[in-house]
All heavy atoms as atom14 arrays in JSON, in Angstrom:
{
  "sequence": "NADRVHRQLVESGYPEARVSMEERNGTVLHVVQAGSFVSRDKAEA",
  "atom14_mask": [
    [1, 1, 1, 1, 1, 1, 1, 1, 0, 0, 0, 0, 0, 0],
    [1, 1, 1, 1, 1, 0, 0, 0, 0, 0, 0, 0, 0, 0],
    [1, 1, 1, 1, 1, 1, 1, 1, 0, 0, 0, 0, 0, 0],
    [1, 1, 1, 1, 1, 1, 1, 1, 1, 1, 1, 0, 0, 0],
    [1, 1, 1, 1, 1, 1, 1, 0, 0, 0, 0, 0, 0, 0],
    [1, 1, 1, 1, 1, 1, 1, 1, 1, 1, 0, 0, 0, 0],
    [1, 1, 1, 1, 1, 1, 1, 1, 1, 1, 1, 0, 0, 0],
    [1, 1, 1, 1, 1, 1, 1, 1, 1, 0, 0, 0, 0, 0],
    [1, 1, 1, 1, 1, 1, 1, 1, 0, 0, 0, 0, 0, 0],
    [1, 1, 1, 1, 1, 1, 1, 0, 0, 0, 0, 0, 0, 0],
    [1, 1, 1, 1, 1, 1, 1, 1, 1, 0, 0, 0, 0, 0],
    [1, 1, 1, 1, 1, 1, 0, 0, 0, 0, 0, 0, 0, 0],
    [1, 1, 1, 1, 0, 0, 0, 0, 0, 0, 0, 0, 0, 0],
    [1, 1, 1, 1, 1, 1, 1, 1, 1, 1, 1, 1, 0, 0],
    [1, 1, 1, 1, 1, 1, 1, 0, 0, 0, 0, 0, 0, 0],
    [1, 1, 1, 1, 1, 1, 1, 1, 1, 0, 0, 0, 0, 0],
    [1, 1, 1, 1, 1, 0, 0, 0, 0, 0, 0, 0, 0, 0],
    [1, 1, 1, 1, 1, 1, 1, 1, 1, 1, 1, 0, 0, 0],
    [1, 1, 1, 1, 1, 1, 1, 0, 0, 0, 0, 0, 0, 0],
    [1, 1, 1, 1, 1, 1, 0, 0, 0, 0, 0, 0, 0, 0],
    [1, 1, 1, 1, 1, 1, 1, 1, 0, 0, 0, 0, 0, 0],
    [1, 1, 1, 1, 1, 1, 1, 1, 1, 0, 0, 0, 0, 0],
    [1, 1, 1, 1, 1, 1, 1, 1, 1, 0, 0, 0, 0, 0],
    [1, 1, 1, 1, 1, 1, 1, 1, 1, 1, 1, 0, 0, 0],
    [1, 1, 1, 1, 1, 1, 1, 1, 0, 0, 0, 0, 0, 0],
    [1, 1, 1, 1, 0, 0, 0, 0, 0, 0, 0, 0, 0, 0],
    [1, 1, 1, 1, 1, 1, 1, 0, 0, 0, 0, 0, 0, 0],
    [1, 1, 1, 1, 1, 1, 1, 0, 0, 0, 0, 0, 0, 0],
    [1, 1, 1, 1, 1, 1, 1, 1, 0, 0, 0, 0, 0, 0],
    [1, 1, 1, 1, 1, 1, 1, 1, 1, 1, 0, 0, 0, 0],
    [1, 1, 1, 1, 1, 1, 1, 0, 0, 0, 0, 0, 0, 0],
    [1, 1, 1, 1, 1, 1, 1, 0, 0, 0, 0, 0, 0, 0],
    [1, 1, 1, 1, 1, 1, 1, 1, 1, 0, 0, 0, 0, 0],
    [1, 1, 1, 1, 1, 0, 0, 0, 0, 0, 0, 0, 0, 0],
    [1, 1, 1, 1, 0, 0, 0, 0, 0, 0, 0, 0, 0, 0],
    [1, 1, 1, 1, 1, 1, 0, 0, 0, 0, 0, 0, 0, 0],
    [1, 1, 1, 1, 1, 1, 1, 1, 1, 1, 1, 0, 0, 0],
    [1, 1, 1, 1, 1, 1, 1, 0, 0, 0, 0, 0, 0, 0],
    [1, 1, 1, 1, 1, 1, 0, 0, 0, 0, 0, 0, 0, 0],
    [1, 1, 1, 1, 1, 1, 1, 1, 1, 1, 1, 0, 0, 0],
    [1, 1, 1, 1, 1, 1, 1, 1, 0, 0, 0, 0, 0, 0],
    [1, 1, 1, 1, 1, 1, 1, 1, 1, 0, 0, 0, 0, 0],
    [1, 1, 1, 1, 1, 0, 0, 0, 0, 0, 0, 0, 0, 0],
    [1, 1, 1, 1, 1, 1, 1, 1, 1, 0, 0, 0, 0, 0],
    [1, 1, 1, 1, 1, 0, 0, 0, 0, 0, 0, 0, 0, 0]
  ],
  "atom14_positions": [
    [[38.25, 123.59, 9.01], [38.94, 122.44, 9.61], [38.56, 121.14, 8.94], [39.36, 120.25, 8.7], [38.62, 122.38, 11.14], [39.17, 123.54, 11.88], [40.23, 124.2, 11.46], [38.68, 123.85, 13.0], [0.0, 0.0, 0.0], [0.0, 0.0, 0.0], [0.0, 0.0, 0.0], [0.0, 0.0, 0.0], [0.0, 0.0, 0.0], [0.0, 0.0, 0.0]],
    [[37.24, 120.99, 8.67], [36.76, 119.81, 7.94], [37.34, 119.73, 6.6], [37.8, 118.6, 6.13], [35.26, 119.84, 7.89], [0.0, 0.0, 0.0], [0.0, 0.0, 0.0], [0.0, 0.0, 0.0], [0.0, 0.0, 0.0], [0.0, 0.0, 0.0], [0.0, 0.0, 0.0], [0.0, 0.0, 0.0], [0.0, 0.0, 0.0], [0.0, 0.0, 0.0]],
    [[37.44, 120.82, 5.87], [38.02, 120.84, 4.54], [39.51, 120.48, 4.51], [39.98, 119.78, 3.65], [37.87, 122.22, 3.95], [36.49, 122.57, 3.49], [35.67, 121.65, 3.42], [36.11, 123.75, 3.34], [0.0, 0.0, 0.0], [0.0, 0.0, 0.0], [0.0, 0.0, 0.0], [0.0, 0.0, 0.0], [0.0, 0.0, 0.0], [0.0, 0.0, 0.0]],
    [[40.27, 120.97, 5.62], [41.63, 120.57, 5.66], [41.85, 119.07, 5.86], [42.69, 118.44, 5.22], [42.25, 121.33, 6.85], [43.8, 121.07, 6.95], [44.38, 121.73, 8.16], [44.0, 121.12, 9.42], [43.12, 121.69, 10.29], [42.6, 122.81, 10.03], [42.81, 121.0, 11.36], [0.0, 0.0, 0.0], [0.0, 0.0, 0.0], [0.0, 0.0, 0.0]],
    [[41.02, 118.44, 6.7], [41.15, 116.97, 6.94], [40.68, 116.27, 5.68], [41.31, 115.23, 5.25], [40.19, 116.6, 8.11], [40.19, 115.06, 8.32], [40.76, 117.23, 9.42], [0.0, 0.0, 0.0], [0.0, 0.0, 0.0], [0.0, 0.0, 0.0], [0.0, 0.0, 0.0], [0.0, 0.0, 0.0], [0.0, 0.0, 0.0], [0.0, 0.0, 0.0]],
    [[39.61, 116.75, 4.98], [39.18, 116.09, 3.73], [40.29, 116.07, 2.72], [40.5, 115.15, 2.14], [37.95, 116.77, 3.26], [37.54, 116.3, 1.93], [37.85, 116.93, 0.71], [36.71, 115.26, 1.55], [37.32, 116.29, -0.25], [36.66, 115.25, 0.21], [0.0, 0.0, 0.0], [0.0, 0.0, 0.0], [0.0, 0.0, 0.0], [0.0, 0.0, 0.0]],
    [[40.97, 117.22, 2.61], [42.06, 117.36, 1.67], [43.17, 116.4, 1.97], [43.77, 115.76, 1.09], [42.55, 118.79, 1.62], [43.56, 119.14, 0.54], [43.7, 120.56, 0.31], [43.95, 121.27, 1.58], [43.05, 122.07, 2.18], [41.83, 122.23, 1.62], [43.38, 122.72, 3.26], [0.0, 0.0, 0.0], [0.0, 0.0, 0.0], [0.0, 0.0, 0.0]],
    [[43.51, 116.21, 3.26], [44.53, 115.36, 3.68], [44.19, 113.9, 3.29], [45.02, 113.09, 2.92], [44.76, 115.48, 5.19], [45.42, 116.78, 5.63], [45.51, 116.85, 7.12], [44.8, 116.19, 7.83], [46.37, 117.75, 7.54], [0.0, 0.0, 0.0], [0.0, 0.0, 0.0], [0.0, 0.0, 0.0], [0.0, 0.0, 0.0], [0.0, 0.0, 0.0]],
    [[42.92, 113.49, 3.53], [42.51, 112.18, 3.21], [42.59, 111.89, 1.7], [43.1, 110.84, 1.28], [41.03, 111.99, 3.67], [40.77, 111.88, 5.12], [39.32, 111.9, 5.46], [41.4, 110.6, 5.73], [0.0, 0.0, 0.0], [0.0, 0.0, 0.0], [0.0, 0.0, 0.0], [0.0, 0.0, 0.0], [0.0, 0.0, 0.0], [0.0, 0.0, 0.0]],
    [[42.14, 112.79, 0.88], [42.22, 112.64, -0.6], [43.69, 112.52, -1.03], [43.99, 111.58, -1.82], [41.53, 113.77, -1.36], [41.76, 113.77, -2.83], [40.09, 113.83, -1.08], [0.0, 0.0, 0.0], [0.0, 0.0, 0.0], [0.0, 0.0, 0.0], [0.0, 0.0, 0.0], [0.0, 0.0, 0.0], [0.0, 0.0, 0.0], [0.0, 0.0, 0.0]],
    [[44.5, 113.33, -0.48], [45.91, 113.27, -0.8], [46.63, 112.02, -0.31], [47.67, 111.62, -0.82], [46.66, 114.55, -0.29], [46.19, 115.82, -0.94], [46.8, 117.07, -0.3], [47.42, 116.87, 0.83], [46.66, 118.19, -0.82], [0.0, 0.0, 0.0], [0.0, 0.0, 0.0], [0.0, 0.0, 0.0], [0.0, 0.0, 0.0], [0.0, 0.0, 0.0]],
    [[46.04, 111.4, 0.73], [46.6, 110.21, 1.31], [46.08, 108.86, 0.67], [46.38, 107.86, 1.1], [46.35, 110.12, 2.82], [46.83, 111.29, 3.45], [0.0, 0.0, 0.0], [0.0, 0.0, 0.0], [0.0, 0.0, 0.0], [0.0, 0.0, 0.0], [0.0, 0.0, 0.0], [0.0, 0.0, 0.0], [0.0, 0.0, 0.0], [0.0, 0.0, 0.0]],
    [[45.24, 109.08, -0.34], [44.76, 107.93, -1.07], [43.31, 107.47, -0.81], [42.97, 106.31, -1.0], [0.0, 0.0, 0.0], [0.0, 0.0, 0.0], [0.0, 0.0, 0.0], [0.0, 0.0, 0.0], [0.0, 0.0, 0.0], [0.0, 0.0, 0.0], [0.0, 0.0, 0.0], [0.0, 0.0, 0.0], [0.0, 0.0, 0.0], [0.0, 0.0, 0.0]],
    [[42.54, 108.41, -0.27], [41.08, 108.09, -0.02], [40.25, 109.03, -0.82], [39.65, 109.98, -0.35], [40.74, 108.3, 1.48], [41.56, 107.32, 2.37], [42.81, 107.82, 2.86], [41.16, 106.12, 2.65], [43.56, 106.96, 3.73], [41.85, 105.22, 3.44], [43.08, 105.7, 3.98], [43.79, 104.83, 4.8], [0.0, 0.0, 0.0], [0.0, 0.0, 0.0]],
    [[40.16, 108.76, -2.2], [39.4, 109.69, -3.11], [37.92, 109.72, -2.82], [37.32, 110.65, -3.23], [39.73, 109.03, -4.51], [39.93, 107.63, -4.19], [40.68, 107.66, -2.9], [0.0, 0.0, 0.0], [0.0, 0.0, 0.0], [0.0, 0.0, 0.0], [0.0, 0.0, 0.0], [0.0, 0.0, 0.0], [0.0, 0.0, 0.0], [0.0, 0.0, 0.0]],
    [[37.38, 108.76, -2.15], [35.93, 108.8, -1.83], [35.6, 109.47, -0.54], [34.49, 109.5, -0.07], [35.34, 107.35, -1.78], [35.52, 106.59, -3.11], [34.9, 107.33, -4.27], [33.8, 107.95, -4.12], [35.52, 107.36, -5.38], [0.0, 0.0, 0.0], [0.0, 0.0, 0.0], [0.0, 0.0, 0.0], [0.0, 0.0, 0.0], [0.0, 0.0, 0.0]],
    [[36.61, 110.1, 0.14], [36.41, 110.89, 1.3], [35.41, 111.94, 1.02], [35.34, 112.52, -0.04], [37.7, 111.43, 1.81], [0.0, 0.0, 0.0], [0.0, 0.0, 0.0], [0.0, 0.0, 0.0], [0.0, 0.0, 0.0], [0.0, 0.0, 0.0], [0.0, 0.0, 0.0], [0.0, 0.0, 0.0], [0.0, 0.0, 0.0], [0.0, 0.0, 0.0]],
    [[34.51, 112.26, 2.01], [33.47, 113.27, 1.8], [33.15, 114.03, 3.03], [33.59, 113.62, 4.2], [32.16, 112.55, 1.33], [31.75, 111.49, 2.29], [30.56, 110.74, 1.84], [29.3, 111.35, 2.39], [28.11, 110.8, 2.23], [27.92, 109.72, 1.58], [27.04, 111.4, 2.75], [0.0, 0.0, 0.0], [0.0, 0.0, 0.0], [0.0, 0.0, 0.0]],
    [[32.56, 115.17, 2.89], [32.2, 116.05, 4.0], [30.64, 116.15, 3.95], [30.1, 116.56, 2.9], [32.83, 117.41, 3.95], [32.36, 118.28, 5.13], [34.34, 117.27, 3.97], [0.0, 0.0, 0.0], [0.0, 0.0, 0.0], [0.0, 0.0, 0.0], [0.0, 0.0, 0.0], [0.0, 0.0, 0.0], [0.0, 0.0, 0.0], [0.0, 0.0, 0.0]],
    [[29.93, 115.84, 4.99], [28.53, 116.02, 5.08], [28.18, 116.86, 6.31], [29.07, 117.1, 7.15], [27.78, 114.7, 5.14], [28.21, 113.96, 6.31], [0.0, 0.0, 0.0], [0.0, 0.0, 0.0], [0.0, 0.0, 0.0], [0.0, 0.0, 0.0], [0.0, 0.0, 0.0], [0.0, 0.0, 0.0], [0.0, 0.0, 0.0], [0.0, 0.0, 0.0]],
    [[26.97, 117.35, 6.32], [26.56, 118.25, 7.46], [25.58, 117.59, 8.34], [24.64, 116.95, 7.83], [26.1, 119.62, 6.89], [27.17, 120.44, 6.24], [26.59, 122.09, 5.77], [25.58, 121.65, 4.35], [0.0, 0.0, 0.0], [0.0, 0.0, 0.0], [0.0, 0.0, 0.0], [0.0, 0.0, 0.0], [0.0, 0.0, 0.0], [0.0, 0.0, 0.0]],
    [[25.66, 117.7, 9.58], [24.7, 117.17, 10.56], [24.44, 118.28, 11.64], [25.27, 119.11, 11.9], [25.27, 115.95, 11.34], [25.46, 114.75, 10.48], [25.95, 113.61, 11.26], [26.11, 113.74, 12.5], [26.2, 112.49, 10.69], [0.0, 0.0, 0.0], [0.0, 0.0, 0.0], [0.0, 0.0, 0.0], [0.0, 0.0, 0.0], [0.0, 0.0, 0.0]],
    [[23.24, 118.17, 12.19], [22.83, 119.16, 13.25], [22.75, 118.36, 14.56], [22.01, 117.42, 14.65], [21.51, 119.8, 12.89], [21.14, 120.9, 13.95], [19.94, 121.63, 13.57], [19.57, 121.64, 12.38], [19.32, 122.31, 14.44], [0.0, 0.0, 0.0], [0.0, 0.0, 0.0], [0.0, 0.0, 0.0], [0.0, 0.0, 0.0], [0.0, 0.0, 0.0]],
    [[23.45, 118.82, 15.57], [23.46, 118.15, 16.86], [23.2, 119.21, 17.91], [23.97, 120.14, 18.13], [24.78, 117.47, 17.16], [25.11, 116.32, 16.2], [26.45, 115.72, 16.58], [26.91, 114.82, 15.52], [28.14, 114.19, 15.57], [28.91, 114.42, 16.61], [28.47, 113.38, 14.59], [0.0, 0.0, 0.0], [0.0, 0.0, 0.0], [0.0, 0.0, 0.0]],
    [[22.1, 119.07, 18.61], [21.73, 120.04, 19.68], [21.72, 121.44, 19.21], [22.25, 122.34, 19.9], [22.69, 119.83, 20.88], [22.6, 118.42, 21.46], [21.54, 117.84, 21.52], [23.75, 117.86, 21.81], [0.0, 0.0, 0.0], [0.0, 0.0, 0.0], [0.0, 0.0, 0.0], [0.0, 0.0, 0.0], [0.0, 0.0, 0.0], [0.0, 0.0, 0.0]],
    [[21.29, 121.67, 17.94], [21.18, 123.0, 17.44], [22.47, 123.51, 16.83], [22.53, 124.68, 16.34], [0.0, 0.0, 0.0], [0.0, 0.0, 0.0], [0.0, 0.0, 0.0], [0.0, 0.0, 0.0], [0.0, 0.0, 0.0], [0.0, 0.0, 0.0], [0.0, 0.0, 0.0], [0.0, 0.0, 0.0], [0.0, 0.0, 0.0], [0.0, 0.0, 0.0]],
    [[23.54, 122.74, 16.8], [24.81, 123.12, 16.22], [25.08, 122.36, 14.92], [24.92, 121.13, 14.92], [25.97, 122.84, 17.22], [25.76, 123.56, 18.47], [27.31, 123.21, 16.61], [0.0, 0.0, 0.0], [0.0, 0.0, 0.0], [0.0, 0.0, 0.0], [0.0, 0.0, 0.0], [0.0, 0.0, 0.0], [0.0, 0.0, 0.0], [0.0, 0.0, 0.0]],
    [[25.4, 123.07, 13.91], [25.71, 122.45, 12.61], [27.21, 121.92, 12.65], [28.13, 122.7, 12.9], [25.54, 123.36, 11.47], [25.98, 122.72, 10.11], [24.11, 123.77, 11.32], [0.0, 0.0, 0.0], [0.0, 0.0, 0.0], [0.0, 0.0, 0.0], [0.0, 0.0, 0.0], [0.0, 0.0, 0.0], [0.0, 0.0, 0.0], [0.0, 0.0, 0.0]],
    [[27.38, 120.61, 12.37], [28.74, 120.11, 12.39], [29.04, 119.53, 10.97], [28.17, 119.12, 10.25], [28.88, 118.89, 13.36], [28.71, 119.25, 14.79], [28.75, 118.01, 15.69], [29.76, 120.26, 15.28], [0.0, 0.0, 0.0], [0.0, 0.0, 0.0], [0.0, 0.0, 0.0], [0.0, 0.0, 0.0], [0.0, 0.0, 0.0], [0.0, 0.0, 0.0]],
    [[30.32, 119.68, 10.62], [30.82, 119.17, 9.27], [31.52, 117.88, 9.58], [32.59, 117.82, 10.14], [31.71, 120.28, 8.65], [31.08, 121.55, 8.53], [30.21, 121.9, 7.57], [31.21, 122.66, 9.37], [29.73, 123.17, 7.67], [30.36, 123.62, 8.78], [0.0, 0.0, 0.0], [0.0, 0.0, 0.0], [0.0, 0.0, 0.0], [0.0, 0.0, 0.0]],
    [[30.89, 116.76, 9.18], [31.4, 115.46, 9.39], [32.27, 114.93, 8.23], [31.83, 114.98, 7.09], [30.24, 114.46, 9.71], [30.78, 113.03, 9.92], [29.37, 114.96, 10.83], [0.0, 0.0, 0.0], [0.0, 0.0, 0.0], [0.0, 0.0, 0.0], [0.0, 0.0, 0.0], [0.0, 0.0, 0.0], [0.0, 0.0, 0.0], [0.0, 0.0, 0.0]],
    [[33.47, 114.48, 8.54], [34.37, 114.0, 7.54], [34.42, 112.47, 7.56], [34.64, 111.84, 8.64], [35.79, 114.51, 7.73], [36.7, 114.05, 6.63], [35.84, 116.04, 7.76], [0.0, 0.0, 0.0], [0.0, 0.0, 0.0], [0.0, 0.0, 0.0], [0.0, 0.0, 0.0], [0.0, 0.0, 0.0], [0.0, 0.0, 0.0], [0.0, 0.0, 0.0]],
    [[34.11, 111.83, 6.45], [34.22, 110.36, 6.34], [35.28, 109.99, 5.31], [35.43, 110.68, 4.33], [32.8, 109.81, 5.86], [31.75, 109.92, 6.94], [30.49, 109.2, 6.45], [30.46, 108.68, 5.39], [29.43, 109.37, 7.26], [0.0, 0.0, 0.0], [0.0, 0.0, 0.0], [0.0, 0.0, 0.0], [0.0, 0.0, 0.0], [0.0, 0.0, 0.0]],
    [[36.03, 108.91, 5.65], [36.99, 108.44, 4.7], [36.4, 107.54, 3.62], [36.92, 107.36, 2.54], [38.1, 107.67, 5.46], [0.0, 0.0, 0.0], [0.0, 0.0, 0.0], [0.0, 0.0, 0.0], [0.0, 0.0, 0.0], [0.0, 0.0, 0.0], [0.0, 0.0, 0.0], [0.0, 0.0, 0.0], [0.0, 0.0, 0.0], [0.0, 0.0, 0.0]],
    [[35.2, 106.94, 3.92], [34.6, 106.09, 3.01], [33.45, 105.24, 3.65], [33.38, 105.27, 4.82], [0.0, 0.0, 0.0], [0.0, 0.0, 0.0], [0.0, 0.0, 0.0], [0.0, 0.0, 0.0], [0.0, 0.0, 0.0], [0.0, 0.0, 0.0], [0.0, 0.0, 0.0], [0.0, 0.0, 0.0], [0.0, 0.0, 0.0], [0.0, 0.0, 0.0]],
    [[32.66, 104.55, 2.84], [31.57, 103.72, 3.3], [31.78, 102.34, 2.66], [32.04, 102.24, 1.47], [30.22, 104.36, 2.88], [30.0, 105.62, 3.5], [0.0, 0.0, 0.0], [0.0, 0.0, 0.0], [0.0, 0.0, 0.0], [0.0, 0.0, 0.0], [0.0, 0.0, 0.0], [0.0, 0.0, 0.0], [0.0, 0.0, 0.0], [0.0, 0.0, 0.0]],
    [[31.61, 101.31, 3.42], [31.83, 99.95, 3.05], [30.8, 98.97, 3.44], [30.21, 99.09, 4.56], [33.22, 99.5, 3.58], [34.28, 100.47, 3.38], [34.55, 101.45, 4.35], [35.05, 100.47, 2.2], [35.58, 102.42, 4.16], [36.08, 101.39, 2.01], [36.31, 102.41, 3.0], [0.0, 0.0, 0.0], [0.0, 0.0, 0.0], [0.0, 0.0, 0.0]],
    [[30.41, 98.03, 2.56], [29.5, 97.03, 2.96], [30.09, 96.0, 3.88], [29.48, 95.5, 4.76], [29.0, 96.27, 1.67], [28.1, 95.08, 2.02], [28.27, 97.22, 0.7], [0.0, 0.0, 0.0], [0.0, 0.0, 0.0], [0.0, 0.0, 0.0], [0.0, 0.0, 0.0], [0.0, 0.0, 0.0], [0.0, 0.0, 0.0], [0.0, 0.0, 0.0]],
    [[31.44, 95.77, 3.68], [32.19, 94.81, 4.54], [32.73, 95.47, 5.79], [33.41, 96.45, 5.7], [33.29, 94.2, 3.71], [34.25, 93.52, 4.55], [0.0, 0.0, 0.0], [0.0, 0.0, 0.0], [0.0, 0.0, 0.0], [0.0, 0.0, 0.0], [0.0, 0.0, 0.0], [0.0, 0.0, 0.0], [0.0, 0.0, 0.0], [0.0, 0.0, 0.0]],
    [[32.44, 94.86, 6.92], [32.94, 95.37, 8.23], [34.45, 95.19, 8.25], [35.18, 96.06, 8.75], [32.26, 94.6, 9.36], [32.9, 94.94, 10.74], [32.35, 96.23, 11.28], [33.07, 96.65, 12.5], [32.5, 97.56, 13.35], [31.3, 98.05, 13.14], [33.21, 97.95, 14.43], [0.0, 0.0, 0.0], [0.0, 0.0, 0.0], [0.0, 0.0, 0.0]],
    [[34.88, 94.09, 7.64], [36.4, 93.82, 7.61], [37.12, 94.91, 6.87], [38.18, 95.34, 7.27], [36.69, 92.47, 7.01], [36.19, 91.28, 7.92], [36.11, 91.54, 9.13], [36.05, 90.21, 7.43], [0.0, 0.0, 0.0], [0.0, 0.0, 0.0], [0.0, 0.0, 0.0], [0.0, 0.0, 0.0], [0.0, 0.0, 0.0], [0.0, 0.0, 0.0]],
    [[36.57, 95.27, 5.73], [37.13, 96.34, 4.9], [37.17, 97.73, 5.72], [38.2, 98.37, 5.71], [36.42, 96.55, 3.57], [36.9, 97.67, 2.73], [38.32, 97.51, 2.29], [38.76, 98.6, 1.36], [40.2, 98.43, 0.96], [0.0, 0.0, 0.0], [0.0, 0.0, 0.0], [0.0, 0.0, 0.0], [0.0, 0.0, 0.0], [0.0, 0.0, 0.0]],
    [[36.11, 98.06, 6.4], [36.04, 99.22, 7.19], [37.05, 99.18, 8.27], [37.78, 100.2, 8.59], [34.64, 99.44, 7.77], [0.0, 0.0, 0.0], [0.0, 0.0, 0.0], [0.0, 0.0, 0.0], [0.0, 0.0, 0.0], [0.0, 0.0, 0.0], [0.0, 0.0, 0.0], [0.0, 0.0, 0.0], [0.0, 0.0, 0.0], [0.0, 0.0, 0.0]],
    [[37.21, 98.02, 8.95], [38.18, 97.85, 10.01], [39.64, 98.07, 9.49], [40.46, 98.64, 10.14], [38.04, 96.48, 10.61], [36.76, 96.26, 11.37], [36.84, 96.92, 12.81], [37.79, 97.62, 13.11], [35.83, 96.81, 13.49], [0.0, 0.0, 0.0], [0.0, 0.0, 0.0], [0.0, 0.0, 0.0], [0.0, 0.0, 0.0], [0.0, 0.0, 0.0]],
    [[39.88, 97.52, 8.27], [41.2, 97.68, 7.7], [41.53, 99.11, 7.41], [42.67, 99.63, 7.66], [41.32, 96.81, 6.39], [0.0, 0.0, 0.0], [0.0, 0.0, 0.0], [0.0, 0.0, 0.0], [0.0, 0.0, 0.0], [0.0, 0.0, 0.0], [0.0, 0.0, 0.0], [0.0, 0.0, 0.0], [0.0, 0.0, 0.0], [0.0, 0.0, 0.0]]
  ]
}
């Protein structure tokens, strides 16, 4: 499911989209990010 969303983001113009892994309460989750930004305004946009 994470891979599907990541692929959609890349195809939609977000080439820096990434998938990372986190552990929450013993469960491994695959977190999808569209990008990281120094500017809050850019992130909001």
